Amino acid sequence: MTIKTAKKTGVLLVNLGSPASTKTSDVRRFLREFLGDPRVVNLPRPLWWLILNLFILPFRPKKSAHAYQTIWTAQGSPLMVFTRQLTEKLAAKYGSEQLLIDYAMRYGKPELKQKLQAFKQAGVDEIVVLPLYAQYSSTTTASIFDVVADELKAGWHIPSLRFISEFHRHPVYIAALADSIRQYWQQHGQAQLLVMSFHGVPAMLTKKGDPYFYHCQTTARLLAQELGLQDQQWRLVFQSRFGKAEWLKPYCVEVLEQLPAEGFDNVDLVCPGFSVDCLETLEEIAITNREIFLEAGGKQYQYIPALNDSDAHVEVMMALINNAS
């Protein structure tokens, strides 16, 4: 009889995903999967099917494809590239035969289900799933859990599972964000105002019990404290509103349009809810919203990059994994 003396653990970093390319057909395929997720759009399925297939998918993919083209790299989507490089750095420093470290995407490839199956084939005894969303949301984190649960419950043997649902106030995460902002200020100077922009979600989700709004508020407050900012030196906003329903406020675009009139013509933007840069940070925040601010009378607008594949981000990931073990 052979007795295992050490368990084998598989760690899976999971991000949202990206289209396979900037071709309209690939973007349409990605949007169909993404927007078809009931966690993402909380409308009756028959009604949403009609809206999605008759009014969104025939038109939006072309526009989104153009947006992706403005930020695409030779290696592919920034979200995909940074997630892969972060995982590779984490695995190179901390991975071993007993600690397998990999990554997956909720939509698109590499598929989350396939990565979970690969862990099973590798004889993993314990799985740590780490969604790359610091603030929990039913539209993102819960959707990943759904896939993990469906995949594991289909098997006869269920390994131990540790699911890191959020890390919005983890001290290592807050410290890493603050250090990255300080380093940026040392190189580029500090603006009058630091605007912290988080991805928006429908406001009604908060009423249903989704803690995302409160998680964002806590992250912003702790980050401001870590940076030693006074209340008048920072703002919390929400971006990426979609559709006509009310989303979390204040809206990023509306605040940027108002700031010059309030005497703030020099601002820094940072997105603490994004672990790595992607379409929403590089195209929406860094390009489109910059133009909106300048057209409203602003003079200087700087986007501070996400933690991406920095050494500090590697240490954040490892601290979270250790806490989960």
Protein backbone atom coordinates (compact mmCIF):
# COMPACT_ATOMS: atom_id res chain seq x y z
CA MET A 1 0.00 0.00 0.00
CA THR A 2 1.34 3.45 -0.96
CA ILE A 3 0.52 6.41 1.23
CA LYS A 4 0.84 9.93 -0.12
CA THR A 5 2.94 12.08 2.20
CA ALA A 6 2.20 15.41 0.53
CA LYS A 7 -0.85 16.66 -1.27
CA LYS A 8 -0.64 18.06 -4.76
CA THR A 9 -2.27 21.47 -5.13
CA GLY A 10 -3.40 23.13 -8.32
CA VAL A 11 -3.76 26.92 -8.37
CA LEU A 12 -5.84 28.49 -11.12
CA LEU A 13 -5.86 32.23 -11.78
CA VAL A 14 -9.06 33.07 -13.65
CA ASN A 15 -9.80 36.22 -15.63
CA LEU A 16 -12.73 37.34 -17.77
CA GLY A 17 -11.31 36.58 -21.22
CA SER A 18 -10.88 38.18 -24.64
CA PRO A 19 -11.80 37.53 -28.26
CA ALA A 20 -9.37 35.29 -30.15
CA SER A 21 -8.59 38.19 -32.50
CA THR A 22 -9.87 41.59 -33.54
CA LYS A 23 -11.90 40.11 -36.39
CA THR A 24 -15.56 41.01 -36.12
CA SER A 25 -16.53 37.33 -36.24
CA ASP A 26 -14.27 36.50 -33.27
CA VAL A 27 -15.54 39.49 -31.31
CA ARG A 28 -19.14 38.45 -32.03
CA ARG A 29 -18.41 34.91 -30.83
CA PHE A 30 -16.89 36.27 -27.62
CA LEU A 31 -19.75 38.70 -26.98
CA ARG A 32 -22.32 35.97 -27.58
CA GLU A 33 -20.76 33.83 -24.86
CA PHE A 34 -20.13 36.73 -22.48
CA LEU A 35 -23.48 38.50 -22.81
CA GLY A 36 -25.31 35.19 -22.94
CA ASP A 37 -24.28 34.44 -19.35
CA PRO A 38 -27.32 34.90 -17.03
CA ARG A 39 -24.96 36.21 -14.36
CA VAL A 40 -23.91 39.08 -16.61
CA VAL A 41 -27.36 40.21 -17.77
CA ASN A 42 -30.20 39.70 -15.29
CA LEU A 43 -33.19 39.77 -17.62
CA PRO A 44 -35.75 37.08 -18.49
CA ARG A 45 -34.01 34.74 -20.92
CA PRO A 46 -36.53 34.93 -23.83
CA LEU A 47 -36.54 38.74 -23.72
CA TRP A 48 -32.76 38.96 -23.51
CA TRP A 49 -32.32 36.43 -26.33
CA LEU A 50 -34.30 38.70 -28.62
CA ILE A 51 -32.40 41.83 -27.57
CA LEU A 52 -29.03 40.12 -27.85
CA ASN A 53 -29.58 38.49 -31.22
CA LEU A 54 -31.66 41.19 -32.92
CA PHE A 55 -30.23 44.43 -31.57
CA ILE A 56 -26.75 43.82 -30.12
CA LEU A 57 -24.89 41.07 -31.95
CA PRO A 58 -25.70 42.40 -35.45
CA PHE A 59 -24.13 45.79 -34.64
CA ARG A 60 -21.94 45.93 -31.54
CA PRO A 61 -19.21 43.44 -32.59
CA LYS A 62 -17.98 45.74 -35.35
CA LYS A 63 -17.69 48.68 -32.96
CA SER A 64 -16.04 46.55 -30.29
CA ALA A 65 -13.63 45.09 -32.85
CA HIS A 66 -12.47 48.60 -33.71
CA ALA A 67 -11.94 49.34 -30.01
CA TYR A 68 -9.90 46.16 -29.56
CA GLN A 69 -7.76 47.11 -32.56
CA THR A 70 -6.63 50.27 -30.77
CA ILE A 71 -5.10 48.33 -27.86
CA TRP A 72 -4.20 44.92 -29.41
CA THR A 73 -0.55 43.85 -29.19
CA ALA A 74 1.63 41.57 -31.29
CA GLN A 75 1.15 38.90 -28.59
CA GLY A 76 -2.62 39.36 -28.49
CA SER A 77 -5.09 40.95 -26.11
CA PRO A 78 -3.41 42.85 -23.23
CA LEU A 79 -5.70 41.08 -20.74
CA MET A 80 -4.58 37.71 -22.07
CA VAL A 81 -0.90 38.67 -22.30
CA PHE A 82 -0.66 40.14 -18.81
CA THR A 83 -2.63 37.28 -17.22
CA ARG A 84 -0.37 34.72 -18.89
CA GLN A 85 2.82 36.57 -17.95
CA LEU A 86 1.65 37.04 -14.35
CA THR A 87 0.94 33.32 -14.12
CA GLU A 88 4.29 32.39 -15.65
CA LYS A 89 6.17 34.61 -13.20
CA LEU A 90 4.21 33.19 -10.27
CA ALA A 91 4.86 29.62 -11.42
CA ALA A 92 8.56 30.28 -12.04
CA LYS A 93 9.04 31.63 -8.52
CA TYR A 94 6.73 29.44 -6.45
CA GLY A 95 5.58 26.51 -8.59
CA SER A 96 6.77 22.93 -8.07
CA GLU A 97 5.75 19.33 -8.70
CA GLN A 98 3.41 19.65 -5.73
CA LEU A 99 2.18 23.16 -6.55
CA LEU A 100 0.85 23.49 -10.10
CA ILE A 101 0.03 27.05 -11.16
CA ASP A 102 -1.98 27.84 -14.30
CA TYR A 103 -4.55 30.30 -15.65
CA ALA A 104 -7.90 30.18 -17.43
CA MET A 105 -10.56 32.47 -18.83
CA ARG A 106 -14.26 32.51 -17.98
CA TYR A 107 -15.12 33.27 -21.61
CA GLY A 108 -13.03 32.22 -24.58
CA LYS A 109 -9.77 30.34 -24.26
CA PRO A 110 -8.02 28.84 -22.40
CA GLU A 111 -11.26 27.35 -21.12
CA LEU A 112 -11.84 27.06 -17.40
CA LYS A 113 -13.39 23.59 -17.67
CA GLN A 114 -10.42 22.24 -19.60
CA LYS A 115 -7.96 23.57 -17.04
CA LEU A 116 -9.91 21.94 -14.22
CA GLN A 117 -9.91 18.66 -16.15
CA ALA A 118 -6.14 18.97 -16.63
CA PHE A 119 -5.68 19.31 -12.87
CA LYS A 120 -7.73 16.15 -12.38
CA GLN A 121 -5.57 14.26 -14.87
CA ALA A 122 -2.46 15.51 -13.06
CA GLY A 123 -3.67 13.94 -9.82
CA VAL A 124 -4.35 17.19 -7.98
CA ASP A 125 -5.73 16.67 -4.46
CA GLU A 126 -6.66 20.28 -3.80
CA ILE A 127 -7.67 23.13 -6.11
CA VAL A 128 -7.31 26.82 -5.30
CA VAL A 129 -9.35 29.02 -7.64
CA LEU A 130 -8.34 32.67 -7.62
CA PRO A 131 -10.58 34.95 -9.72
CA LEU A 132 -8.64 38.08 -10.62
CA TYR A 133 -11.37 40.34 -9.24
CA ALA A 134 -10.50 42.00 -5.94
CA GLN A 135 -14.10 43.07 -5.34
CA TYR A 136 -16.72 40.33 -5.37
CA SER A 137 -19.55 40.65 -7.87
CA SER A 138 -22.25 38.19 -8.84
CA THR A 139 -21.61 39.23 -12.47
CA THR A 140 -17.98 38.08 -12.41
CA THR A 141 -16.82 36.07 -9.39
CA ALA A 142 -20.06 34.11 -9.03
CA SER A 143 -20.03 33.21 -12.71
CA ILE A 144 -16.62 31.61 -12.28
CA PHE A 145 -17.86 29.68 -9.26
CA ASP A 146 -20.80 28.39 -11.31
CA VAL A 147 -18.45 26.81 -13.85
CA VAL A 148 -16.16 25.36 -11.17
CA ALA A 149 -19.10 23.87 -9.27
CA ASP A 150 -20.70 22.40 -12.39
CA GLU A 151 -17.42 20.81 -13.48
CA LEU A 152 -16.53 19.34 -10.09
CA LYS A 153 -19.97 17.99 -9.25
CA ALA A 154 -19.96 16.05 -12.54
CA GLY A 155 -17.11 13.87 -11.28
CA TRP A 156 -17.05 10.91 -8.90
CA HIS A 157 -14.17 12.30 -6.87
CA ILE A 158 -14.32 15.91 -5.74
CA PRO A 159 -10.96 17.33 -4.66
CA SER A 160 -10.66 19.83 -1.83
CA LEU A 161 -11.62 23.24 -3.12
CA ARG A 162 -10.60 26.68 -1.93
CA PHE A 163 -12.31 29.51 -3.77
CA ILE A 164 -10.96 33.00 -3.12
CA SER A 165 -14.10 35.06 -3.65
CA GLU A 166 -12.56 38.50 -2.98
CA PHE A 167 -9.55 40.35 -1.64
CA HIS A 168 -10.81 43.92 -1.72
CA ARG A 169 -9.24 44.92 1.60
CA HIS A 170 -6.26 42.56 1.78
CA PRO A 171 -3.31 44.62 3.14
CA VAL A 172 -0.80 43.22 0.61
CA TYR A 173 -3.12 44.14 -2.27
CA ILE A 174 -3.74 47.67 -0.93
CA ALA A 175 -0.03 48.20 -0.30
CA ALA A 176 0.90 47.03 -3.80
CA LEU A 177 -1.63 49.40 -5.38
CA ALA A 178 -0.38 52.31 -3.29
CA ASP A 179 3.27 51.56 -4.12
CA SER A 180 2.51 51.41 -7.85
CA ILE A 181 0.79 54.81 -7.67
CA ARG A 182 3.66 56.34 -5.71
CA GLN A 183 6.15 55.02 -8.25
CA TYR A 184 4.09 56.53 -11.05
CA TRP A 185 3.96 59.88 -9.28
CA GLN A 186 7.71 59.84 -8.75
CA GLN A 187 8.21 59.49 -12.52
CA HIS A 188 5.34 61.62 -13.85
CA GLY A 189 4.29 63.93 -11.04
CA GLN A 190 1.12 63.93 -8.96
CA ALA A 191 -2.08 65.52 -10.29
CA GLN A 192 -4.55 67.64 -8.35
CA LEU A 193 -6.96 64.75 -8.06
CA LEU A 194 -6.79 60.96 -8.07
CA VAL A 195 -9.91 59.43 -9.65
CA MET A 196 -10.45 55.78 -8.74
CA SER A 197 -12.63 54.15 -11.38
CA PHE A 198 -14.29 50.77 -10.90
CA HIS A 199 -16.29 48.79 -13.44
CA GLY A 200 -19.98 49.49 -13.01
CA VAL A 201 -22.82 47.02 -12.49
CA PRO A 202 -26.61 47.54 -12.39
CA ALA A 203 -27.61 49.35 -9.19
CA MET A 204 -30.38 46.84 -8.48
CA LEU A 205 -27.78 44.15 -7.74
CA THR A 206 -26.86 45.94 -4.52
CA LYS A 207 -30.49 45.71 -3.39
CA LYS A 208 -30.38 41.98 -4.07
CA GLY A 209 -27.41 41.52 -1.75
CA ASP A 210 -24.42 41.85 -4.09
CA PRO A 211 -21.65 43.47 -1.97
CA TYR A 212 -19.67 44.84 -4.94
CA PHE A 213 -20.62 48.50 -4.33
CA TYR A 214 -19.44 48.32 -0.71
CA HIS A 215 -16.27 46.44 -1.64
CA CYS A 216 -15.35 49.20 -4.10
CA GLN A 217 -15.97 51.86 -1.47
CA THR A 218 -13.77 50.03 1.03
CA THR A 219 -10.93 49.52 -1.44
CA ALA A 220 -11.00 53.19 -2.43
CA ARG A 221 -11.05 54.39 1.17
CA LEU A 222 -8.19 52.11 2.24
CA LEU A 223 -6.13 53.07 -0.81
CA ALA A 224 -6.66 56.77 -0.10
CA GLN A 225 -5.60 56.22 3.52
CA GLU A 226 -2.51 54.28 2.46
CA LEU A 227 -1.55 57.15 0.12
CA GLY A 228 -2.23 59.76 2.80
CA LEU A 229 -4.83 61.56 0.65
CA GLN A 230 -7.35 64.03 2.04
CA ASP A 231 -11.01 63.70 1.03
CA GLN A 232 -10.71 66.50 -1.54
CA GLN A 233 -7.77 64.77 -3.24
CA TRP A 234 -9.63 61.71 -4.55
CA ARG A 235 -12.93 60.59 -6.07
CA LEU A 236 -14.65 57.23 -6.53
CA VAL A 237 -16.47 56.66 -9.85
CA PHE A 238 -17.91 53.80 -11.90
CA GLN A 239 -17.33 53.20 -15.60
CA SER A 240 -18.56 51.04 -18.51
CA ARG A 241 -22.28 51.62 -18.15
CA PHE A 242 -24.31 49.48 -20.56
CA GLY A 243 -27.98 49.83 -21.46
CA LYS A 244 -30.61 52.21 -20.09
CA ALA A 245 -30.98 50.86 -16.55
CA GLU A 246 -29.50 52.72 -13.60
CA TRP A 247 -25.98 51.58 -12.77
CA LEU A 248 -23.75 52.33 -9.80
CA LYS A 249 -23.03 56.04 -9.43
CA PRO A 250 -21.31 58.42 -9.80
CA TYR A 251 -20.70 57.73 -13.49
CA CYS A 252 -17.09 58.22 -14.55
CA VAL A 253 -17.90 60.16 -17.73
CA GLU A 254 -20.22 62.61 -15.95
CA VAL A 255 -17.64 63.31 -13.23
CA LEU A 256 -14.88 63.89 -15.79
CA GLU A 257 -17.09 66.36 -17.64
CA GLN A 258 -17.74 68.29 -14.41
CA LEU A 259 -14.24 68.35 -12.91
CA PRO A 260 -12.78 71.25 -14.97
CA ALA A 261 -15.67 73.47 -13.90
CA GLU A 262 -14.86 72.56 -10.28
CA GLY A 263 -11.27 73.69 -10.75
CA PHE A 264 -9.70 70.29 -11.37
CA ASP A 265 -7.96 70.44 -14.77
CA ASN A 266 -5.17 67.97 -13.90
CA VAL A 267 -6.23 64.45 -12.92
CA ASP A 268 -4.81 60.96 -12.53
CA LEU A 269 -7.01 57.91 -13.21
CA VAL A 270 -6.45 54.49 -11.65
CA CYS A 271 -8.66 51.38 -11.86
CA PRO A 272 -8.19 49.37 -8.63
CA GLY A 273 -10.76 46.77 -9.67
CA PHE A 274 -8.74 45.57 -12.66
CA SER A 275 -5.87 43.21 -11.88
CA VAL A 276 -4.44 43.64 -15.38
CA ASP A 277 -5.00 46.19 -18.12
CA CYS A 278 -7.65 45.42 -20.71
CA LEU A 279 -10.10 47.04 -23.11
CA GLU A 280 -11.90 48.90 -20.32
CA THR A 281 -8.72 50.50 -18.98
CA LEU A 282 -6.60 50.99 -22.10
CA GLU A 283 -9.30 52.05 -24.56
CA GLU A 284 -12.19 53.37 -22.47
CA ILE A 285 -10.29 55.04 -19.62
CA ALA A 286 -6.92 55.89 -21.17
CA ILE A 287 -8.19 57.01 -24.60
CA THR A 288 -11.94 57.71 -24.83
CA ASN A 289 -12.44 59.21 -21.37
CA ARG A 290 -9.27 61.25 -21.70
CA GLU A 291 -10.73 62.92 -24.77
CA ILE A 292 -13.96 63.62 -22.88
CA PHE A 293 -12.05 65.27 -20.04
CA LEU A 294 -9.92 67.42 -22.35
CA GLU A 295 -12.96 68.50 -24.39
CA ALA A 296 -14.62 69.60 -21.14
CA GLY A 297 -11.71 71.94 -20.41
CA GLY A 298 -9.22 69.67 -18.68
CA LYS A 299 -5.52 70.20 -19.35
CA GLN A 300 -3.71 67.09 -18.15
CA TYR A 301 -4.99 63.52 -17.81
CA GLN A 302 -2.86 60.52 -16.88
CA TYR A 303 -3.83 56.88 -16.60
CA ILE A 304 -1.89 54.88 -14.00
CA PRO A 305 -1.48 51.26 -15.21
CA ALA A 306 -2.81 48.22 -13.38
CA LEU A 307 -0.47 45.95 -11.42
CA ASN A 308 -0.28 43.68 -14.49
CA ASP A 309 2.66 41.24 -14.33
CA SER A 310 4.75 43.26 -11.89
CA ASP A 311 6.81 41.57 -9.19
CA ALA A 312 4.56 43.21 -6.60
CA HIS A 313 1.52 41.59 -8.20
CA VAL A 314 3.21 38.19 -8.04
CA GLU A 315 3.62 38.67 -4.30
CA VAL A 316 -0.04 39.70 -3.95
CA MET A 317 -1.09 36.48 -5.68
CA MET A 318 1.14 34.37 -3.45
CA ALA A 319 -0.12 36.06 -0.30
CA LEU A 320 -3.70 35.26 -1.33
CA ILE A 321 -2.80 31.66 -2.13
CA ASN A 322 -1.03 31.22 1.21
CA ASN A 323 -4.05 32.62 3.03
CA ALA A 324 -6.24 30.09 1.22
CA SER A 325 -4.03 27.13 2.08
